[in-house]
Amino acid sequence: MRGIHSIIRAVAHIVAGILVIWILMDLLDANQGNTVVSWFHSAADWLAGWSRGLFTVSGHTLQVLLDYGIAAVVYVVVGNLIGRAAGRSRAPIR
């Protein structure tokens, strides 16, 4: 088994990946009526609910990058920090 620290980091990176995919879909004007696009939009809105609107800027591109990009970065940083702490806290099995 890879360990709890690897699982935590993997989940954080998957979450960040969902956000990055949504950023790309939005900026590339993906069809909002498509089921896959709709799923990524809903998931990204839920995952970045706390960071959307944190900053208000005039351009759509920069707004999307801030709304979802900040959340992606925070998830990776926090996931890696928690994963590192979880990896260090494990006592060796004897």
Protein backbone atom coordinates (compact mmCIF):
# COMPACT_ATOMS: atom_id res chain seq x y z
CA MET A 1 0.00 0.00 0.00
CA ARG A 2 1.29 3.43 -0.92
CA GLY A 3 0.38 5.08 2.36
CA ILE A 4 -2.12 7.63 3.57
CA HIS A 5 0.18 10.52 2.64
CA SER A 6 0.17 9.43 -1.00
CA ILE A 7 -3.61 9.12 -1.00
CA ILE A 8 -4.05 12.60 0.47
CA ARG A 9 -1.71 14.10 -2.11
CA ALA A 10 -3.43 12.22 -4.95
CA VAL A 11 -6.87 13.47 -3.90
CA ALA A 12 -5.58 17.06 -3.70
CA HIS A 13 -4.08 16.77 -7.18
CA ILE A 14 -7.26 15.25 -8.62
CA VAL A 15 -9.31 18.11 -7.15
CA ALA A 16 -6.88 20.65 -8.59
CA GLY A 17 -7.03 18.82 -11.93
CA ILE A 18 -10.82 19.15 -12.03
CA LEU A 19 -10.47 22.89 -11.43
CA VAL A 20 -7.79 23.28 -14.11
CA ILE A 21 -9.86 21.32 -16.63
CA TRP A 22 -12.83 23.58 -15.93
CA ILE A 23 -10.64 26.70 -16.35
CA LEU A 24 -9.54 25.41 -19.76
CA MET A 25 -13.09 24.46 -20.77
CA ASP A 26 -14.42 27.87 -19.78
CA LEU A 27 -11.64 29.84 -21.45
CA LEU A 28 -11.92 27.73 -24.63
CA ASP A 29 -15.73 28.28 -24.70
CA ALA A 30 -16.69 24.63 -24.30
CA ASN A 31 -20.34 23.81 -25.02
CA GLN A 32 -22.19 24.38 -21.73
CA GLY A 33 -24.97 22.07 -22.91
CA ASN A 34 -22.62 19.08 -23.03
CA THR A 35 -22.98 16.67 -20.10
CA VAL A 36 -19.25 16.38 -19.44
CA VAL A 37 -18.75 20.15 -19.54
CA SER A 38 -21.73 20.60 -17.25
CA TRP A 39 -20.30 18.08 -14.77
CA PHE A 40 -16.93 19.82 -14.65
CA HIS A 41 -18.66 23.18 -14.24
CA SER A 42 -20.77 21.93 -11.33
CA ALA A 43 -17.84 20.18 -9.67
CA ALA A 44 -15.56 23.21 -10.07
CA ASP A 45 -18.23 25.57 -8.73
CA TRP A 46 -18.66 23.38 -5.67
CA LEU A 47 -14.93 22.89 -5.08
CA ALA A 48 -14.13 26.59 -5.54
CA GLY A 49 -17.21 27.96 -3.83
CA TRP A 50 -15.09 29.50 -1.10
CA SER A 51 -12.72 31.27 -3.51
CA ARG A 52 -15.10 32.48 -6.22
CA GLY A 53 -15.53 36.21 -6.00
CA LEU A 54 -12.61 36.62 -3.60
CA PHE A 55 -11.25 39.23 -6.01
CA THR A 56 -13.22 41.17 -8.59
CA VAL A 57 -11.53 42.11 -11.84
CA SER A 58 -12.88 43.44 -15.11
CA GLY A 59 -11.70 40.76 -17.56
CA HIS A 60 -13.44 37.38 -17.83
CA THR A 61 -10.19 35.47 -18.36
CA LEU A 62 -8.51 36.89 -15.28
CA GLN A 63 -11.69 36.44 -13.23
CA VAL A 64 -11.89 32.74 -14.12
CA LEU A 65 -8.18 32.26 -13.38
CA LEU A 66 -8.55 33.91 -9.98
CA ASP A 67 -11.86 32.25 -9.05
CA TYR A 68 -10.75 28.70 -9.80
CA GLY A 69 -6.96 28.97 -9.97
CA ILE A 70 -6.58 30.16 -6.39
CA ALA A 71 -8.63 27.18 -5.21
CA ALA A 72 -6.51 24.76 -7.29
CA VAL A 73 -3.27 26.13 -5.86
CA VAL A 74 -4.60 26.05 -2.29
CA TYR A 75 -5.80 22.45 -2.64
CA VAL A 76 -2.38 21.31 -3.91
CA VAL A 77 -0.43 23.21 -1.25
CA VAL A 78 -2.66 22.15 1.64
CA GLY A 79 -2.90 18.57 0.36
CA ASN A 80 0.87 18.31 0.11
CA LEU A 81 1.36 19.80 3.57
CA ILE A 82 -1.19 17.45 5.13
CA GLY A 83 0.23 14.52 3.16
CA ARG A 84 3.74 15.32 4.34
CA ALA A 85 2.57 15.59 7.96
CA ALA A 86 0.68 12.30 7.67
CA GLY A 87 3.77 10.62 6.22
CA ARG A 88 5.96 11.80 9.09
CA SER A 89 3.53 10.91 11.85
CA ARG A 90 3.50 7.20 11.05
CA ALA A 91 5.57 5.18 13.48
CA PRO A 92 7.59 2.35 11.97
CA ILE A 93 6.05 -1.11 12.30
CA ARG A 94 8.19 -3.53 14.28
